[in-house]
């Protein structure tokens, strides 16, 4: 993508999350966790959003930490794609 095309479209929204399900074909479920401040008490609460993410190669596995990017809708529930594999946990023996 050229610089002018990126300026026209704007910056692509990306998030980092953990793969919690990789059972479907070309689809993984990624849990994205964020901290939200409670409006009254001020304590930070952990909120988790589960997103369906398009993975055409099927390269990511359960437990991987991935960076995902928003894209055009691929299906009814998929509007994200795997952008980059950040961390793959070591196998526990």
Protein backbone atom coordinates (compact mmCIF):
# COMPACT_ATOMS: atom_id res chain seq x y z
CA UNK A 1 0.00 0.00 0.00
CA UNK A 2 1.41 3.37 -0.97
CA UNK A 3 1.67 6.40 1.29
CA UNK A 4 -1.10 8.26 -0.51
CA UNK A 5 -3.48 5.30 -0.19
CA UNK A 6 -2.77 5.06 3.55
CA UNK A 7 -3.35 8.78 4.03
CA UNK A 8 -6.65 8.52 2.18
CA UNK A 9 -7.88 5.52 4.21
CA UNK A 10 -6.41 6.56 7.55
CA UNK A 11 -4.65 4.43 10.10
CA UNK A 12 -5.71 0.78 10.46
CA UNK A 13 -7.05 -0.08 13.93
CA UNK A 14 -5.02 -2.84 15.59
CA UNK A 15 -5.41 -4.72 18.88
CA UNK A 16 -3.40 -7.35 20.75
CA UNK A 17 -5.05 -10.45 22.20
CA UNK A 18 -4.76 -14.15 22.99
CA UNK A 19 -6.19 -16.96 20.86
CA UNK A 20 -8.79 -18.81 22.94
CA UNK A 21 -10.23 -21.05 20.20
CA UNK A 22 -8.82 -22.33 16.91
CA UNK A 23 -11.33 -25.08 16.09
CA UNK A 24 -12.99 -23.51 13.05
CA UNK A 25 -11.53 -23.48 9.54
CA UNK A 26 -9.82 -20.15 8.71
CA UNK A 27 -11.29 -18.58 11.87
CA UNK A 28 -9.85 -18.10 15.35
CA UNK A 29 -11.42 -16.51 18.42
CA UNK A 30 -9.22 -13.90 20.08
CA UNK A 31 -9.81 -12.52 23.59
CA UNK A 32 -8.80 -8.86 23.89
CA UNK A 33 -8.46 -7.59 27.47
CA UNK A 34 -8.64 -3.94 28.47
CA UNK A 35 -8.71 -2.05 31.78
CA UNK A 36 -11.72 0.21 32.47
CA UNK A 37 -11.92 2.59 35.40
CA UNK A 38 -15.04 2.18 37.53
CA UNK A 39 -17.04 5.42 37.36
CA UNK A 40 -17.79 5.65 41.09
CA UNK A 41 -15.02 3.79 42.92
CA UNK A 42 -12.09 4.46 40.63
CA UNK A 43 -10.87 0.87 40.71
CA UNK A 44 -9.68 -0.57 37.42
CA UNK A 45 -11.75 -3.51 36.16
CA UNK A 46 -10.55 -6.03 33.60
CA UNK A 47 -12.97 -6.35 30.65
CA UNK A 48 -12.59 -9.00 27.95
CA UNK A 49 -13.97 -8.92 24.42
CA UNK A 50 -14.00 -12.05 22.26
CA UNK A 51 -13.59 -11.37 18.53
CA UNK A 52 -13.80 -13.72 15.55
CA UNK A 53 -10.68 -13.21 13.45
CA UNK A 54 -9.92 -14.33 9.89
CA UNK A 55 -6.83 -16.56 9.61
CA UNK A 56 -6.61 -17.76 5.97
CA UNK A 57 -3.41 -19.79 6.45
CA UNK A 58 -4.48 -21.41 9.72
CA UNK A 59 -1.06 -20.61 11.16
CA UNK A 60 -2.02 -19.52 14.69
CA UNK A 61 -2.73 -21.96 17.51
CA UNK A 62 -4.48 -21.96 20.85
CA UNK A 63 -2.65 -19.76 23.39
CA UNK A 64 -0.78 -17.61 20.85
CA UNK A 65 -0.56 -13.86 21.37
CA UNK A 66 -1.46 -12.12 18.12
CA UNK A 67 -1.89 -8.62 16.76
CA UNK A 68 -5.14 -8.24 14.81
CA UNK A 69 -6.21 -5.53 12.38
CA UNK A 70 -9.68 -4.36 11.51
CA UNK A 71 -10.75 -5.00 7.91
CA UNK A 72 -13.86 -5.12 5.77
CA UNK A 73 -16.45 -7.70 6.89
CA UNK A 74 -15.41 -11.21 5.82
CA UNK A 75 -18.59 -12.79 7.18
CA UNK A 76 -21.45 -11.93 9.52
CA UNK A 77 -19.26 -12.00 12.64
CA UNK A 78 -15.72 -11.52 11.23
CA UNK A 79 -14.36 -8.01 10.65
CA UNK A 80 -10.81 -8.60 11.89
CA UNK A 81 -7.80 -10.42 10.42
CA UNK A 82 -4.57 -11.76 11.89
CA UNK A 83 -1.91 -9.13 11.34
CA UNK A 84 1.11 -10.60 13.11
CA UNK A 85 2.04 -13.43 15.47
CA UNK A 86 3.67 -11.85 18.52
CA UNK A 87 4.36 -14.75 20.88
CA UNK A 88 3.91 -18.50 20.83
CA UNK A 89 4.05 -20.16 24.27
CA UNK A 90 6.47 -23.04 24.78
CA UNK A 91 4.97 -26.52 24.89
CA UNK A 92 4.50 -27.82 28.42
CA UNK A 93 5.70 -31.39 28.83
